[in-house]
Protein backbone atom coordinates (compact mmCIF):
# COMPACT_ATOMS: atom_id res chain seq x y z
CA MET A 1 70.32 16.95 7.67
CA ALA A 2 68.03 19.53 9.55
CA GLU A 3 66.88 21.28 6.27
CA GLU A 4 65.92 17.42 5.02
CA ASP A 5 63.93 17.00 7.99
CA LEU A 6 62.09 19.97 7.53
CA LYS A 7 60.98 19.15 4.07
CA THR A 8 59.74 16.17 4.76
CA ASP A 9 57.79 17.34 7.92
CA GLU A 10 55.99 20.19 5.24
CA GLU A 11 55.42 17.46 2.77
CA GLY A 12 53.84 15.37 5.39
CA GLY A 13 51.80 18.12 7.00
CA LYS A 14 50.77 18.50 3.26
CA LYS A 15 49.29 14.83 2.77
CA LYS A 16 47.73 14.69 6.03
CA SER A 17 45.88 18.58 5.44
CA LYS A 18 44.69 17.15 1.90
CA LEU A 19 43.78 13.61 3.30
CA MET A 20 41.59 15.50 5.88
CA LEU A 21 39.99 17.90 3.72
CA ILE A 22 38.88 14.99 1.22
CA ILE A 23 37.72 13.02 4.17
CA ILE A 24 35.42 16.25 4.81
CA ILE A 25 34.15 16.30 1.62
CA VAL A 26 33.06 12.79 1.35
CA VAL A 27 31.44 13.25 4.81
CA VAL A 28 29.46 16.36 3.64
CA LEU A 29 28.16 14.33 0.44
CA LEU A 30 27.29 11.33 1.82
CA LEU A 31 25.23 13.29 4.53
CA GLY A 32 23.99 15.56 1.54
CA GLY A 33 22.70 12.64 -0.11
CA GLY A 34 21.45 10.81 2.88
CA ALA A 35 18.91 13.68 3.73
CA GLY A 36 18.07 13.99 0.08
CA ALA A 37 17.20 10.16 -0.28
CA TYR A 38 14.95 10.81 2.88
CA PHE A 39 13.17 13.77 1.50
CA PHE A 40 12.38 12.31 -1.82
CA LEU A 41 11.37 8.67 -0.46
CA MET A 42 9.20 10.25 2.78
CA GLY A 43 8.37 13.97 1.73
CA GLY A 44 5.83 13.50 -0.22
CA GLU A 45 3.11 13.21 2.14
CA GLU A 46 1.56 16.72 3.39
CA PRO A 47 0.78 16.87 6.97
CA VAL A 48 -2.87 16.15 8.22
CA ALA A 49 -4.53 17.98 10.91
CA GLU A 50 -5.51 16.43 13.90
CA GLY A 51 -9.13 15.27 13.80
CA GLU A 52 -8.87 15.29 9.37
CA THR A 53 -8.61 12.23 7.51
CA ALA A 54 -6.36 11.83 4.68
CA THR A 55 -8.77 11.43 2.51
CA SER A 56 -10.55 14.61 3.41
CA ALA A 57 -7.31 16.34 2.82
CA GLU A 58 -7.11 15.29 -0.34
CA GLY A 59 -10.25 16.68 -1.23
CA GLY A 60 -12.68 14.23 -0.27
CA SER A 61 -13.53 10.54 -1.86
CA SER A 62 -16.14 8.08 -1.97
CA ALA A 63 -15.37 6.08 0.98
CA PRO A 64 -18.01 6.39 4.07
CA GLN A 65 -16.72 9.09 6.73
CA ASN A 66 -17.74 7.37 9.34
CA LYS A 67 -15.48 7.88 12.55
CA GLY A 68 -13.94 5.06 14.15
CA GLN A 69 -11.46 2.62 14.41
CA ALA A 70 -10.46 0.83 11.42
CA ILE A 71 -12.17 -2.99 11.71
CA TYR A 72 -11.14 -5.97 9.62
CA VAL A 73 -13.87 -8.28 8.73
CA ALA A 74 -12.40 -11.84 7.56
CA MET A 75 -14.44 -13.64 5.24
CA PRO A 76 -15.05 -17.15 6.40
CA ARG A 77 -13.48 -19.00 3.41
CA PRO A 78 -11.13 -18.21 0.37
CA PHE A 79 -12.86 -17.76 -2.45
CA GLN A 80 -11.56 -20.61 -5.43
CA PHE A 81 -12.72 -20.39 -8.83
CA ASN A 82 -11.30 -21.41 -12.16
CA SER A 83 -10.41 -18.33 -14.53
CA PRO A 84 -10.23 -18.64 -18.12
CA GLY A 85 -6.80 -17.72 -20.25
CA VAL A 86 -5.56 -17.62 -23.44
CA ALA A 87 -3.21 -20.33 -23.12
CA ARG A 88 -5.35 -22.38 -20.43
CA GLU A 89 -7.76 -21.90 -17.46
CA ARG A 90 -6.21 -21.82 -14.36
CA LEU A 91 -7.55 -21.95 -10.55
CA VAL A 92 -7.46 -19.02 -8.23
CA GLN A 93 -7.74 -18.39 -4.77
CA ILE A 94 -8.08 -15.27 -3.31
CA GLU A 95 -8.37 -14.70 0.74
CA VAL A 96 -10.50 -11.29 1.71
CA GLN A 97 -11.15 -8.98 4.26
CA LEU A 98 -13.43 -5.94 4.43
CA MET A 99 -11.93 -2.67 6.09
CA VAL A 100 -14.92 -0.97 8.18
CA ARG A 101 -15.28 1.76 10.50
CA GLY A 102 -16.42 1.25 13.96
CA GLU A 103 -18.22 -1.65 15.73
CA ASP A 104 -21.66 -0.88 14.10
CA ASN A 105 -20.48 -1.21 10.74
CA SER A 106 -18.43 -4.46 11.17
CA ASP A 107 -21.48 -6.03 12.54
CA ARG A 108 -23.75 -4.67 10.01
CA ALA A 109 -21.12 -6.51 7.27
CA LYS A 110 -21.21 -9.91 9.50
CA LYS A 111 -24.74 -10.16 8.88
CA HIS A 112 -24.63 -9.74 5.21
CA ILE A 113 -21.75 -12.08 4.78
CA PRO A 114 -23.31 -14.48 2.55
CA MET A 115 -24.85 -12.02 0.16
CA ILE A 116 -21.05 -10.34 0.11
CA GLU A 117 -19.80 -13.53 -0.67
CA SER A 118 -22.33 -14.55 -3.69
CA ASN A 119 -21.47 -10.95 -5.08
CA LEU A 120 -17.82 -10.93 -4.46
CA LEU A 121 -17.49 -14.53 -6.46
CA GLN A 122 -19.58 -13.37 -9.37
CA VAL A 123 -17.11 -10.31 -9.67
CA PHE A 124 -13.63 -12.56 -9.63
CA SER A 125 -15.59 -15.34 -11.74
CA ALA A 126 -15.94 -12.66 -14.65
CA SER A 127 -12.10 -11.59 -14.38
CA SER A 128 -9.63 -13.74 -16.83
CA ALA A 129 -6.21 -15.39 -15.71
CA ASP A 130 -4.50 -13.32 -18.33
CA GLU A 131 -5.88 -10.05 -16.43
CA LEU A 132 -5.17 -11.47 -12.83
CA VAL A 133 -1.34 -12.19 -13.11
CA THR A 134 -0.65 -8.44 -13.79
CA GLU A 135 -0.23 -5.85 -10.74
CA LEU A 136 -2.85 -3.68 -12.77
CA GLY A 137 -5.40 -6.72 -13.10
CA LYS A 138 -5.33 -7.56 -9.49
CA LYS A 139 -5.82 -3.80 -8.56
CA ASN A 140 -8.64 -3.09 -10.84
CA LEU A 141 -10.31 -6.65 -9.43
CA ARG A 142 -9.74 -5.42 -6.19
CA ASP A 143 -11.36 -1.73 -7.11
CA LYS A 144 -14.34 -3.44 -9.25
CA SER A 145 -14.77 -5.91 -5.92
CA THR A 146 -14.87 -2.66 -3.73
CA ALA A 147 -17.77 -0.90 -5.70
CA GLN A 148 -19.74 -4.19 -5.89
CA VAL A 149 -19.96 -4.68 -2.11
CA ARG A 150 -20.41 -1.07 -1.59
CA GLN A 151 -23.31 -0.71 -3.91
CA VAL A 152 -25.07 -4.26 -2.20
CA MET A 153 -24.40 -2.78 1.16
CA ASN A 154 -25.84 0.45 0.24
CA ASP A 155 -28.84 -1.70 -0.98
CA LEU A 156 -29.76 -3.76 2.09
CA GLU A 157 -28.35 -1.24 4.94
CA GLY A 158 -29.09 2.09 3.36
CA ASN A 159 -25.27 2.85 4.13
CA PRO A 160 -21.77 1.67 2.10
CA VAL A 161 -20.56 0.14 5.56
CA VAL A 162 -17.48 -1.06 3.65
CA GLU A 163 -14.66 1.61 3.04
CA GLN A 164 -12.06 -1.18 1.00
CA VAL A 165 -11.99 -4.65 0.07
CA LEU A 166 -8.76 -5.93 0.60
CA PHE A 167 -6.93 -9.17 -0.33
CA THR A 168 -4.90 -11.20 2.05
CA GLY A 169 -3.98 -13.90 -0.15
CA PHE A 170 -3.58 -14.10 -3.80
CA VAL A 171 -2.58 -17.70 -5.59
CA ILE A 172 -2.94 -18.40 -9.14
CA GLN A 173 -1.81 -21.76 -10.55
């Protein structure tokens, strides 16, 4: 009887040690997978030194290098226009805000809102509904809008003033 108790204790001890080993392996794999996912999703950005902007660290861009806090200038009303398409014409409504740097650029942009609205409406109405339903089409429209507004502000103020045109609402019916 004593020998049977000894055998069951040894088998039970082996089972517990195998179970413990499996648990440790699973925990290590989960931690390693979580760390790998974190570095994969978050690790693509290089640190930027203090006082540098992200665009200057990437080799520069055509954005104005004005220092100051980002300020968003909202257009007073959304843009509504008909856009032709292959199957049918669609009604499009786009809400826009302008990103500028500093109070002086904000005041300059507000002063020229009617001219900015006019140019944006020309750019928007030149696009087709088939382009606007795709993500690439929306991105291209935003890039064209930014370039046009920057050109107009450069002509009027001698400075591009607007860093980026942002779409805060986009509806196609």
